[in-house]
Structure formats: C-alpha cells, structure tokens
C-alpha cells in the first residue's frame, strides 16, 4: 500500500524587520501546527514566537530580514529567530550562558 508523502518537518521564513513581523510570525506558527494537526501546544508556541520576533525587532539594528525557523519534533516544536545584526544585544542586566552563535547572526530559540 502506498502512503501519502509526509509534510515538511521544518519551515524557514524571512520576515520584515518591523513590528508587523510579530503577528505574521504568530499566524505562521498557528497555521503550521493546525494544518499538520500537531500535538504541540499552539498557544505556547505562538506566545514564544511573538516574544522572540519582538525582541529581534526591538533589540537589533539594520533593515535586513529576520528569519523564522519552525521545526516540528515528535515531542513538540522548536522555534528559532535569527537576525542579521552581528552585534550582541546591549544593555543586558544578567549575563547569560556562553554560546557560540553562527558568526554574524544573533539567535533566539524556544521549545514548545
């Protein structure tokens, strides 16, 4: 018996470096999870995505696009947001763990 092809397990989308990217990113995550009837908590996924995109818009310079990556996993989903600003975020009050992001790209990630 022939099985239908499985849908892609991840998406990469370029978003504008403006506040308009936030609701677009939320809608993309909601649609992806609903279309695939995925078991991930879509409310949490939407909220985390909105926060990551809003942070990228607010705390990075430049006009380049912000990249949204959504990966569906057997246990939920992973959302990543990348921006083109090579400078680390400024005005951090609590130092975070040492990480080695891709050169020239800041990254935020969340699992839902």
N, C-alpha and C. Protein backbone atom coordinates (compact mmCIF):
# COMPACT_ATOMS: atom_id res chain seq x y z
N UNK A 1 0.84 -1.17 0.00
CA UNK A 1 0.00 0.00 0.00
C UNK A 1 0.89 1.24 0.00
N UNK A 2 0.52 2.23 -0.78
CA UNK A 2 1.29 3.47 -0.89
C UNK A 2 0.82 4.49 0.13
N UNK A 3 1.77 5.05 0.89
CA UNK A 3 1.43 6.06 1.89
C UNK A 3 1.63 7.44 1.30
N UNK A 4 0.78 8.41 1.66
CA UNK A 4 0.97 9.76 1.15
C UNK A 4 2.27 10.35 1.69
N UNK A 5 2.86 11.27 0.92
CA UNK A 5 4.11 11.87 1.41
C UNK A 5 3.87 12.66 2.68
N UNK A 6 4.86 12.67 3.54
CA UNK A 6 4.73 13.43 4.78
C UNK A 6 5.07 14.89 4.50
N UNK A 7 4.41 15.80 5.21
CA UNK A 7 4.69 17.21 5.01
C UNK A 7 6.08 17.56 5.57
N UNK A 8 6.61 18.70 5.15
CA UNK A 8 7.93 19.07 5.67
C UNK A 8 7.89 19.23 7.18
N UNK A 9 8.99 18.90 7.82
CA UNK A 9 9.07 18.98 9.27
C UNK A 9 9.61 20.32 9.74
N UNK A 10 10.04 21.17 8.81
CA UNK A 10 10.53 22.49 9.22
C UNK A 10 10.28 23.52 8.12
N UNK A 11 10.20 24.76 8.57
CA UNK A 11 9.99 25.89 7.67
C UNK A 11 10.98 26.98 8.01
N UNK A 12 11.43 27.71 6.99
CA UNK A 12 12.26 28.92 7.16
C UNK A 12 11.55 30.03 6.41
N UNK A 13 11.30 31.13 7.12
CA UNK A 13 10.56 32.24 6.52
C UNK A 13 11.28 33.54 6.84
N UNK A 14 11.50 34.37 5.82
CA UNK A 14 12.08 35.69 6.02
C UNK A 14 10.95 36.66 6.36
N UNK A 15 11.13 37.39 7.45
CA UNK A 15 10.13 38.36 7.91
C UNK A 15 10.73 39.76 7.86
N UNK A 16 9.89 40.78 7.68
CA UNK A 16 10.42 42.14 7.67
C UNK A 16 10.94 42.53 9.05
N UNK A 17 11.91 43.41 9.07
CA UNK A 17 12.50 43.88 10.34
C UNK A 17 11.64 45.02 10.88
N UNK A 18 10.35 44.73 11.08
CA UNK A 18 9.39 45.72 11.60
C UNK A 18 8.45 45.01 12.57
N UNK A 19 7.70 45.81 13.32
CA UNK A 19 6.74 45.24 14.27
C UNK A 19 5.67 44.41 13.56
N UNK A 20 5.45 44.65 12.28
CA UNK A 20 4.47 43.87 11.52
C UNK A 20 4.84 42.39 11.45
N UNK A 21 6.10 42.07 11.70
CA UNK A 21 6.54 40.67 11.65
C UNK A 21 5.96 39.84 12.78
N UNK A 22 5.62 40.47 13.90
CA UNK A 22 5.15 39.73 15.08
C UNK A 22 3.85 38.98 14.80
N UNK A 23 2.77 39.65 14.37
CA UNK A 23 1.54 38.90 14.11
C UNK A 23 1.67 37.92 12.93
N UNK A 24 2.51 38.25 11.97
CA UNK A 24 2.73 37.33 10.85
C UNK A 24 3.38 36.05 11.35
N UNK A 25 4.39 36.18 12.20
CA UNK A 25 5.07 35.00 12.75
C UNK A 25 4.11 34.15 13.58
N UNK A 26 3.29 34.81 14.40
CA UNK A 26 2.30 34.06 15.21
C UNK A 26 1.36 33.26 14.31
N UNK A 27 0.87 33.91 13.27
CA UNK A 27 -0.07 33.25 12.35
C UNK A 27 0.59 32.08 11.63
N UNK A 28 1.85 32.24 11.24
CA UNK A 28 2.55 31.15 10.56
C UNK A 28 2.69 29.93 11.46
N UNK A 29 3.06 30.16 12.71
CA UNK A 29 3.22 29.03 13.65
C UNK A 29 1.87 28.37 13.91
N UNK A 30 0.84 29.18 14.15
CA UNK A 30 -0.51 28.64 14.40
C UNK A 30 -0.97 27.81 13.21
N UNK A 31 -0.81 28.33 12.00
CA UNK A 31 -1.26 27.62 10.79
C UNK A 31 -0.49 26.33 10.58
N UNK A 32 0.82 26.37 10.79
CA UNK A 32 1.63 25.17 10.59
C UNK A 32 1.21 24.06 11.54
N UNK A 33 1.01 24.40 12.80
CA UNK A 33 0.62 23.38 13.78
C UNK A 33 -0.79 22.87 13.53
N UNK A 34 -1.70 23.76 13.15
CA UNK A 34 -3.09 23.34 12.90
C UNK A 34 -3.20 22.48 11.65
N UNK A 35 -2.50 22.89 10.59
CA UNK A 35 -2.58 22.16 9.33
C UNK A 35 -2.08 20.73 9.48
N UNK A 36 -1.06 20.56 10.28
CA UNK A 36 -0.50 19.22 10.47
C UNK A 36 -1.12 18.48 11.64
N UNK A 37 -2.06 19.14 12.32
CA UNK A 37 -2.70 18.54 13.49
C UNK A 37 -1.63 18.05 14.47
N UNK A 38 -0.64 18.91 14.69
CA UNK A 38 0.48 18.56 15.56
C UNK A 38 0.07 18.71 17.01
N UNK A 39 0.66 17.90 17.87
CA UNK A 39 0.27 17.89 19.28
C UNK A 39 0.92 18.99 20.11
N UNK A 40 1.80 19.80 19.53
CA UNK A 40 2.45 20.87 20.28
C UNK A 40 1.40 21.87 20.77
N UNK A 41 1.66 22.49 21.89
CA UNK A 41 0.77 23.50 22.47
C UNK A 41 0.86 24.76 21.62
N UNK A 42 -0.13 24.99 20.77
CA UNK A 42 -0.06 26.11 19.83
C UNK A 42 -0.10 27.46 20.53
N UNK A 43 -0.81 27.59 21.65
CA UNK A 43 -0.83 28.86 22.37
C UNK A 43 0.57 29.22 22.88
N UNK A 44 1.26 28.24 23.44
CA UNK A 44 2.62 28.47 23.93
C UNK A 44 3.55 28.76 22.76
N UNK A 45 3.41 28.01 21.68
CA UNK A 45 4.26 28.23 20.51
C UNK A 45 4.06 29.64 19.95
N UNK A 46 2.82 30.09 19.87
CA UNK A 46 2.55 31.44 19.37
C UNK A 46 3.15 32.50 20.28
N UNK A 47 2.98 32.35 21.59
CA UNK A 47 3.49 33.34 22.54
C UNK A 47 5.02 33.41 22.48
N UNK A 48 5.68 32.26 22.50
CA UNK A 48 7.14 32.25 22.45
C UNK A 48 7.65 32.84 21.14
N UNK A 49 6.99 32.51 20.05
CA UNK A 49 7.37 33.05 18.75
C UNK A 49 7.24 34.57 18.73
N UNK A 50 6.11 35.06 19.24
CA UNK A 50 5.88 36.51 19.27
C UNK A 50 6.96 37.22 20.09
N UNK A 51 7.33 36.65 21.23
CA UNK A 51 8.35 37.27 22.08
C UNK A 51 9.72 37.28 21.39
N UNK A 52 10.08 36.17 20.76
CA UNK A 52 11.38 36.11 20.08
C UNK A 52 11.45 37.10 18.92
N UNK A 53 10.39 37.17 18.12
CA UNK A 53 10.38 38.09 16.99
C UNK A 53 10.37 39.53 17.47
N UNK A 54 9.55 39.84 18.47
CA UNK A 54 9.51 41.20 19.01
C UNK A 54 10.88 41.61 19.55
N UNK A 55 11.57 40.72 20.24
CA UNK A 55 12.90 41.02 20.75
C UNK A 55 13.88 41.29 19.61
N UNK A 56 13.81 40.49 18.56
CA UNK A 56 14.70 40.70 17.42
C UNK A 56 14.45 42.05 16.76
N UNK A 57 13.18 42.43 16.63
CA UNK A 57 12.84 43.73 16.03
C UNK A 57 13.31 44.87 16.92
N UNK A 58 13.04 44.76 18.20
CA UNK A 58 13.33 45.85 19.13
C UNK A 58 14.82 46.02 19.44
N UNK A 59 15.54 44.93 19.54
CA UNK A 59 16.91 44.99 20.06
C UNK A 59 18.00 44.80 19.02
N UNK A 60 17.67 44.82 17.74
CA UNK A 60 18.70 44.69 16.72
C UNK A 60 18.61 45.85 15.75
N UNK A 61 19.75 46.18 15.18
CA UNK A 61 19.81 47.26 14.21
C UNK A 61 19.75 46.67 12.80
N UNK A 62 19.49 47.52 11.86
CA UNK A 62 19.54 47.09 10.48
C UNK A 62 18.17 46.92 9.86
N UNK A 63 18.22 46.79 8.57
CA UNK A 63 16.99 46.67 7.80
C UNK A 63 16.83 45.27 7.23
N UNK A 64 17.82 44.42 7.43
CA UNK A 64 17.75 43.07 6.88
C UNK A 64 16.61 42.28 7.48
N UNK A 65 16.17 41.26 6.78
CA UNK A 65 15.05 40.46 7.29
C UNK A 65 15.42 39.65 8.53
N UNK A 66 14.40 39.29 9.26
CA UNK A 66 14.51 38.39 10.41
C UNK A 66 14.08 37.03 9.90
N UNK A 67 14.81 35.99 10.26
CA UNK A 67 14.47 34.64 9.79
C UNK A 67 13.76 33.87 10.90
N UNK A 68 12.59 33.34 10.58
CA UNK A 68 11.84 32.49 11.49
C UNK A 68 12.01 31.05 11.04
N UNK A 69 12.40 30.18 11.97
CA UNK A 69 12.55 28.75 11.68
C UNK A 69 11.63 28.00 12.63
N UNK A 70 10.76 27.17 12.08
CA UNK A 70 9.86 26.35 12.89
C UNK A 70 10.14 24.90 12.53
N UNK A 71 10.48 24.11 13.53
CA UNK A 71 10.77 22.70 13.32
C UNK A 71 9.83 21.87 14.17
N UNK A 72 9.10 20.97 13.53
CA UNK A 72 8.19 20.08 14.26
C UNK A 72 8.97 18.85 14.69
N UNK A 73 8.84 18.53 15.95
CA UNK A 73 9.53 17.39 16.54
C UNK A 73 8.50 16.40 17.08
N UNK A 74 8.87 15.16 17.30
CA UNK A 74 7.91 14.20 17.85
C UNK A 74 7.35 14.64 19.21
N UNK A 75 8.13 15.42 19.96
CA UNK A 75 7.70 15.83 21.29
C UNK A 75 7.15 17.25 21.34
N UNK A 76 7.06 17.94 20.23
CA UNK A 76 6.56 19.32 20.21
C UNK A 76 7.13 20.06 19.02
N UNK A 77 7.55 21.30 19.25
CA UNK A 77 8.15 22.06 18.17
C UNK A 77 9.29 22.91 18.71
N UNK A 78 10.15 23.32 17.80
CA UNK A 78 11.23 24.25 18.16
C UNK A 78 11.12 25.45 17.25
N UNK A 79 11.19 26.63 17.84
CA UNK A 79 11.11 27.88 17.10
C UNK A 79 12.43 28.61 17.28
N UNK A 80 13.00 29.07 16.17
CA UNK A 80 14.22 29.87 16.22
C UNK A 80 13.97 31.17 15.48
N UNK A 81 14.59 32.24 15.95
CA UNK A 81 14.53 33.52 15.27
C UNK A 81 15.96 34.02 15.12
N UNK A 82 16.34 34.34 13.89
CA UNK A 82 17.69 34.82 13.60
C UNK A 82 17.59 36.24 13.05
N UNK A 83 18.55 37.08 13.42
CA UNK A 83 18.58 38.42 12.86
C UNK A 83 19.96 38.67 12.26
N UNK A 84 20.07 39.64 11.35
CA UNK A 84 21.34 39.87 10.66
C UNK A 84 22.33 40.76 11.42
N UNK A 85 21.96 41.28 12.58
CA UNK A 85 22.83 42.19 13.32
C UNK A 85 23.98 41.41 13.95
N UNK A 86 25.24 41.70 13.57
CA UNK A 86 26.37 40.95 14.13
C UNK A 86 26.70 41.33 15.58
N UNK A 87 26.17 42.45 16.06
CA UNK A 87 26.47 42.88 17.43
C UNK A 87 25.62 42.11 18.42
N UNK A 88 26.20 41.76 19.57
CA UNK A 88 25.39 41.10 20.60
C UNK A 88 24.39 42.09 21.19
N UNK A 89 23.30 41.61 21.75
CA UNK A 89 22.32 42.52 22.35
C UNK A 89 22.98 43.36 23.44
N UNK A 90 22.63 44.62 23.52
CA UNK A 90 23.19 45.51 24.53
C UNK A 90 22.29 45.61 25.74
N UNK A 91 22.78 46.25 26.77
CA UNK A 91 22.01 46.52 27.99
C UNK A 91 21.46 45.27 28.66
N UNK A 92 22.23 44.22 28.66
CA UNK A 92 21.79 43.01 29.37
C UNK A 92 22.12 43.18 30.84
N UNK A 93 21.18 42.89 31.71
CA UNK A 93 21.41 43.06 33.14
C UNK A 93 21.91 41.78 33.80
N UNK A 94 21.60 40.64 33.24
CA UNK A 94 22.04 39.36 33.80
C UNK A 94 22.79 38.61 32.71
N UNK A 95 24.06 38.27 32.94
CA UNK A 95 24.79 37.55 31.91
C UNK A 95 24.18 36.18 31.67
N UNK A 96 24.09 35.81 30.41
CA UNK A 96 23.55 34.51 30.04
C UNK A 96 24.68 33.51 29.86
N UNK A 97 24.33 32.26 29.58
CA UNK A 97 25.35 31.23 29.38
C UNK A 97 26.16 31.53 28.12
N UNK A 98 27.41 31.14 28.13
CA UNK A 98 28.27 31.35 26.97
C UNK A 98 27.78 30.48 25.83
N UNK A 99 27.59 31.09 24.66
CA UNK A 99 27.15 30.37 23.48
C UNK A 99 27.97 30.81 22.30
N UNK A 100 28.02 30.00 21.30
CA UNK A 100 28.72 30.35 20.07
C UNK A 100 27.72 30.38 18.93
N UNK A 101 27.02 31.51 18.75
CA UNK A 101 26.07 31.57 17.65
C UNK A 101 26.80 31.62 16.31
N UNK A 102 26.06 31.38 15.25
CA UNK A 102 26.62 31.48 13.92
C UNK A 102 27.20 32.88 13.75
N UNK A 103 28.43 33.01 13.25
CA UNK A 103 29.02 34.35 13.11
C UNK A 103 28.11 35.28 12.32
N UNK A 104 27.92 36.49 12.85
CA UNK A 104 27.11 37.49 12.18
C UNK A 104 25.62 37.31 12.37
N UNK A 105 25.21 36.37 13.19
CA UNK A 105 23.77 36.15 13.37
C UNK A 105 23.47 35.94 14.84
N UNK A 106 22.54 36.71 15.34
CA UNK A 106 22.06 36.51 16.70
C UNK A 106 20.88 35.56 16.62
N UNK A 107 20.70 34.76 17.63
CA UNK A 107 19.67 33.74 17.60
C UNK A 107 18.89 33.71 18.89
N UNK A 108 17.59 33.51 18.78
CA UNK A 108 16.75 33.20 19.92
C UNK A 108 16.05 31.90 19.60
N UNK A 109 15.90 31.05 20.58
CA UNK A 109 15.24 29.76 20.32
C UNK A 109 14.38 29.38 21.51
N UNK A 110 13.32 28.65 21.22
CA UNK A 110 12.42 28.16 22.27
C UNK A 110 11.85 26.83 21.83
N UNK A 111 11.63 25.97 22.79
CA UNK A 111 10.95 24.70 22.52
C UNK A 111 9.56 24.78 23.10
N UNK A 112 8.60 24.25 22.38
CA UNK A 112 7.21 24.30 22.85
C UNK A 112 6.59 22.92 22.75
